[in-house]
Amino acid sequence: MTSEKTANQNFRIETSIHNGIERISYYPEIPNQKPALLFQHGMWHGAWCWSQWQTIFAELGWESHAISLPGHGASEQQGSNQFKTMGQYLSVLSNEIDRFPQKPILIGHSMGGALTQWYLKKIADDLPAVIFLAAWTSHSTFADGTTLHLKRDPFAFFLSGISMSSTPFIRNAESVASMLISNDALYVCRRVKTEIGKRVRPGTVTTQPASLVTKEKYQYALSLGCRRK
């Protein structure tokens, strides 16, 4: 476990790995005595993606935690990501929730939003609150998203089908930007399409870690030709 105190001394950050799962925790100096926040990332991300959110909430007195699913962030691989099931990811999330002395408020993004829905349906409807951020749809992500993905990137849809992997959707910088960065995002990067994900050659299909959208890639993209609205 590593622990650090922030420069403004309002909160501390702890990073730990328990049973192979990375956890990044923010502890405010003066907690607000409300349930802690638990952030669950989506595809191609890790606990790192919540750092700005956790900083904001910590300054407001909220304790928060973010975990990385197996094979993401600093968590152990625990088998191929390509063949991971939602049930396996749900088990990780459920185990994490059980660690809290008081049930947390669960915040899920994209696939993490789907896991949040699965928790409510398959585990327990016992959380004080849940928040969905661009979550997967509740019934059929494939049916609801087929037209969207075909329109956005038909080549990736084809490659995904023959490779049985979602990696083609982030096979190059342009596809990453299309999938994950909206036109009205807080940060607008002129060179994001050529910088983020640059380690993946256009048109290639890979399931190697280099194909993941990493914290370093985001930070690098944001540092190149970016302006804040």
Protein backbone atom coordinates (compact mmCIF):
# COMPACT_ATOMS: atom_id res chain seq x y z
CA MET A 1 0.00 0.00 0.00
CA THR A 2 1.16 3.50 -0.79
CA SER A 3 -0.16 6.66 0.81
CA GLU A 4 0.39 10.29 -0.03
CA LYS A 5 -0.77 13.61 1.32
CA THR A 6 -1.90 16.17 -1.21
CA ALA A 7 -0.28 19.58 -1.42
CA ASN A 8 -3.30 21.38 -0.04
CA GLN A 9 -3.48 18.94 2.90
CA ASN A 10 -7.25 18.56 2.54
CA PHE A 11 -7.16 14.83 1.84
CA ARG A 12 -4.84 11.88 1.43
CA ILE A 13 -4.66 9.29 -1.33
CA GLU A 14 -4.01 5.61 -0.73
CA THR A 15 -3.30 3.04 -3.43
CA SER A 16 -3.41 -0.65 -2.60
CA ILE A 17 -3.82 -4.06 -4.21
CA HIS A 18 -5.98 -6.62 -2.40
CA ASN A 19 -6.46 -10.11 -3.84
CA GLY A 20 -5.01 -8.82 -7.10
CA ILE A 21 -7.44 -5.89 -7.38
CA GLU A 22 -6.17 -2.32 -7.43
CA ARG A 23 -7.94 0.22 -5.22
CA ILE A 24 -7.37 3.98 -5.24
CA SER A 25 -8.89 5.67 -2.18
CA TYR A 26 -9.31 9.32 -1.27
CA TYR A 27 -9.78 10.23 2.39
CA PRO A 28 -10.78 13.83 3.23
CA GLU A 29 -9.27 15.39 6.32
CA ILE A 30 -12.74 16.40 7.47
CA PRO A 31 -15.20 13.72 6.26
CA ASN A 32 -18.84 14.62 5.75
CA GLN A 33 -20.06 11.47 7.56
CA LYS A 34 -22.03 10.36 4.51
CA PRO A 35 -21.71 6.95 2.79
CA ALA A 36 -18.51 6.53 0.82
CA LEU A 37 -18.51 6.68 -2.97
CA LEU A 38 -17.43 3.67 -5.03
CA PHE A 39 -16.48 4.33 -8.65
CA GLN A 40 -16.62 1.52 -11.21
CA HIS A 41 -14.92 2.10 -14.56
CA GLY A 42 -16.00 0.79 -17.95
CA MET A 43 -14.24 -0.91 -20.85
CA TRP A 44 -10.62 -0.05 -21.63
CA HIS A 45 -10.25 2.05 -18.46
CA GLY A 46 -9.04 1.59 -14.89
CA ALA A 47 -9.38 3.18 -11.47
CA TRP A 48 -7.08 5.96 -12.68
CA CYS A 49 -9.86 7.50 -14.82
CA TRP A 50 -11.71 8.77 -11.74
CA SER A 51 -8.87 10.86 -10.30
CA GLN A 52 -10.37 14.24 -11.14
CA TRP A 53 -13.77 13.18 -9.83
CA GLN A 54 -12.28 11.81 -6.63
CA THR A 55 -10.29 14.99 -6.09
CA ILE A 56 -13.40 17.15 -6.41
CA PHE A 57 -15.43 14.99 -4.04
CA ALA A 58 -12.58 14.72 -1.52
CA GLU A 59 -12.40 18.51 -1.35
CA LEU A 60 -16.12 18.44 -0.54
CA GLY A 61 -15.60 15.95 2.28
CA TRP A 62 -16.52 12.71 0.49
CA GLU A 63 -14.51 9.54 1.03
CA SER A 64 -14.25 7.67 -2.26
CA HIS A 65 -12.76 4.52 -3.72
CA ALA A 66 -12.17 3.34 -7.28
CA ILE A 67 -11.21 -0.18 -8.30
CA SER A 68 -9.63 -1.63 -11.43
CA LEU A 69 -11.18 -4.78 -12.84
CA PRO A 70 -8.84 -7.74 -13.55
CA GLY A 71 -6.51 -6.96 -16.44
CA HIS A 72 -7.12 -3.23 -16.09
CA GLY A 73 -5.06 -0.56 -14.36
CA ALA A 74 -2.67 -2.18 -11.89
CA SER A 75 -4.92 -5.18 -11.16
CA GLU A 76 -3.68 -8.67 -11.94
CA GLN A 77 -4.58 -10.08 -15.34
CA GLN A 78 -6.44 -13.18 -14.01
CA GLY A 79 -6.93 -14.68 -17.47
CA SER A 80 -7.59 -13.16 -20.86
CA ASN A 81 -9.71 -10.01 -21.00
CA GLN A 82 -11.08 -11.25 -24.31
CA PHE A 83 -12.95 -14.09 -22.61
CA LYS A 84 -13.93 -12.41 -19.35
CA THR A 85 -17.65 -12.54 -18.54
CA MET A 86 -19.84 -9.96 -16.91
CA GLY A 87 -20.43 -12.50 -14.16
CA GLN A 88 -16.72 -12.58 -13.32
CA TYR A 89 -16.54 -8.79 -13.21
CA LEU A 90 -19.71 -8.68 -11.11
CA SER A 91 -18.09 -10.98 -8.56
CA VAL A 92 -15.18 -8.54 -8.22
CA LEU A 93 -17.53 -5.59 -7.74
CA SER A 94 -19.70 -7.47 -5.25
CA ASN A 95 -16.67 -8.49 -3.20
CA GLU A 96 -15.52 -4.89 -3.11
CA ILE A 97 -18.92 -3.66 -1.90
CA ASP A 98 -18.88 -6.29 0.84
CA ARG A 99 -15.67 -4.77 2.19
CA PHE A 100 -17.47 -1.59 3.24
CA PRO A 101 -18.77 -1.37 6.82
CA GLN A 102 -21.59 0.77 5.42
CA LYS A 103 -22.88 0.21 1.88
CA PRO A 104 -21.41 2.77 -0.53
CA ILE A 105 -23.01 4.94 -3.17
CA LEU A 106 -22.12 3.19 -6.42
CA ILE A 107 -21.20 5.19 -9.53
CA GLY A 108 -20.78 3.22 -12.76
CA HIS A 109 -19.62 4.36 -16.19
CA SER A 110 -20.44 2.51 -19.42
CA MET A 111 -19.82 -1.20 -18.74
CA GLY A 112 -19.44 -0.22 -15.08
CA GLY A 113 -23.00 1.07 -15.33
CA ALA A 114 -24.07 -2.34 -16.60
CA LEU A 115 -22.31 -3.99 -13.67
CA THR A 116 -24.17 -1.61 -11.37
CA GLN A 117 -27.46 -2.75 -12.88
CA TRP A 118 -26.41 -6.38 -12.56
CA TYR A 119 -25.57 -5.85 -8.91
CA LEU A 120 -29.03 -4.43 -8.21
CA LYS A 121 -30.73 -7.28 -10.09
CA LYS A 122 -28.57 -10.28 -9.22
CA ILE A 123 -26.98 -9.45 -5.85
CA ALA A 124 -28.97 -7.00 -3.76
CA ASP A 125 -30.98 -3.81 -3.99
CA ASP A 126 -29.43 -2.51 -0.79
CA LEU A 127 -27.32 0.49 -1.80
CA PRO A 128 -28.11 4.00 -0.52
CA ALA A 129 -27.93 5.33 -4.09
CA VAL A 130 -26.57 4.50 -7.55
CA ILE A 131 -25.49 6.83 -10.34
CA PHE A 132 -25.20 5.87 -14.00
CA LEU A 133 -22.78 7.71 -16.29
CA ALA A 134 -23.34 6.83 -19.96
CA ALA A 135 -24.23 3.31 -18.81
CA TRP A 136 -24.96 0.40 -21.08
CA THR A 137 -28.65 -0.04 -21.77
CA SER A 138 -30.55 -2.29 -19.40
CA HIS A 139 -31.81 -4.92 -21.83
CA SER A 140 -29.78 -5.53 -24.99
CA THR A 141 -26.61 -3.56 -25.57
CA PHE A 142 -26.06 -5.45 -28.82
CA ALA A 143 -29.51 -4.68 -30.21
CA ASP A 144 -29.47 -1.07 -29.10
CA GLY A 145 -25.88 -0.41 -30.16
CA THR A 146 -25.58 -2.31 -33.45
CA THR A 147 -26.82 0.53 -35.65
CA LEU A 148 -24.72 3.07 -33.77
CA HIS A 149 -21.50 1.06 -34.08
CA LEU A 150 -22.13 0.19 -37.72
CA LYS A 151 -22.61 3.86 -38.50
CA ARG A 152 -19.58 5.01 -36.49
CA ASP A 153 -17.08 2.39 -37.60
CA PRO A 154 -18.31 -0.46 -39.84
CA PHE A 155 -14.78 -1.80 -40.28
CA ALA A 156 -14.36 -2.14 -36.53
CA PHE A 157 -17.72 -3.89 -36.28
CA PHE A 158 -16.56 -6.43 -38.87
CA LEU A 159 -13.17 -6.94 -37.20
CA SER A 160 -14.80 -7.33 -33.81
CA GLY A 161 -17.06 -10.06 -35.15
CA ILE A 162 -14.28 -12.16 -36.64
CA SER A 163 -11.87 -11.64 -33.73
CA MET A 164 -14.43 -12.01 -30.92
CA SER A 165 -12.87 -8.96 -29.30
CA SER A 166 -13.94 -5.37 -28.72
CA THR A 167 -10.38 -4.14 -29.21
CA PRO A 168 -10.92 -3.15 -32.90
CA PHE A 169 -13.16 -0.35 -31.71
CA ILE A 170 -10.06 1.33 -30.21
CA ARG A 171 -7.56 0.07 -32.78
CA ASN A 172 -6.21 3.56 -33.52
CA ALA A 173 -6.35 7.11 -32.23
CA GLU A 174 -9.30 8.18 -34.35
CA SER A 175 -11.46 5.27 -33.19
CA VAL A 176 -10.56 5.97 -29.55
CA ALA A 177 -11.65 9.58 -29.90
CA SER A 178 -14.88 8.53 -31.61
CA MET A 179 -15.74 6.01 -28.91
CA LEU A 180 -14.73 7.87 -25.78
CA ILE A 181 -14.50 11.63 -26.32
CA SER A 182 -17.64 13.60 -27.19
CA ASN A 183 -17.63 16.81 -29.20
CA ASP A 184 -18.79 18.82 -26.19
CA ALA A 185 -16.27 17.31 -23.76
CA LEU A 186 -14.75 19.52 -21.08
CA TYR A 187 -11.39 19.04 -22.75
CA VAL A 188 -11.08 19.50 -26.48
CA CYS A 189 -7.85 18.20 -28.02
CA ARG A 190 -6.88 19.20 -31.53
CA ARG A 191 -4.36 16.39 -31.83
CA VAL A 192 -6.19 13.72 -29.86
CA LYS A 193 -6.97 11.72 -33.01
CA THR A 194 -3.29 11.33 -33.78
CA GLU A 195 -1.84 11.06 -30.29
CA ILE A 196 -4.09 9.02 -28.02
CA GLY A 197 -3.64 5.33 -28.70
CA LYS A 198 -0.72 6.07 -31.07
CA ARG A 199 1.04 2.86 -30.04
CA VAL A 200 -1.59 0.81 -31.88
CA ARG A 201 -1.06 0.71 -35.63
CA PRO A 202 -4.15 1.67 -37.70
CA GLY A 203 -6.02 -1.32 -38.97
CA THR A 204 -4.39 -3.86 -36.69
CA VAL A 205 -6.26 -6.20 -34.39
CA THR A 206 -4.59 -6.78 -31.03
CA THR A 207 -5.57 -7.74 -27.53
CA GLN A 208 -2.23 -6.75 -26.04
CA PRO A 209 -2.14 -4.27 -23.14
CA ALA A 210 -0.83 -1.56 -25.49
CA SER A 211 -4.29 -1.47 -27.08
CA LEU A 212 -5.90 -0.30 -23.85
CA VAL A 213 -6.62 3.36 -23.28
CA THR A 214 -4.19 4.06 -20.46
CA LYS A 215 -3.82 6.92 -18.04
CA GLU A 216 -0.57 7.88 -19.72
CA LYS A 217 -2.22 8.08 -23.14
CA TYR A 218 -4.95 10.33 -21.81
CA GLN A 219 -2.47 12.62 -20.06
CA TYR A 220 -0.28 12.75 -23.14
CA ALA A 221 -3.22 13.61 -25.38
CA LEU A 222 -4.43 16.30 -23.00
CA SER A 223 -0.98 17.87 -22.99
CA LEU A 224 -0.79 18.21 -26.78
CA GLY A 225 -2.75 20.97 -28.44
CA CYS A 226 -5.52 20.86 -25.87
CA ARG A 227 -7.59 23.72 -24.64
CA ARG A 228 -10.07 23.78 -21.80
CA LYS A 229 -13.51 25.20 -22.50
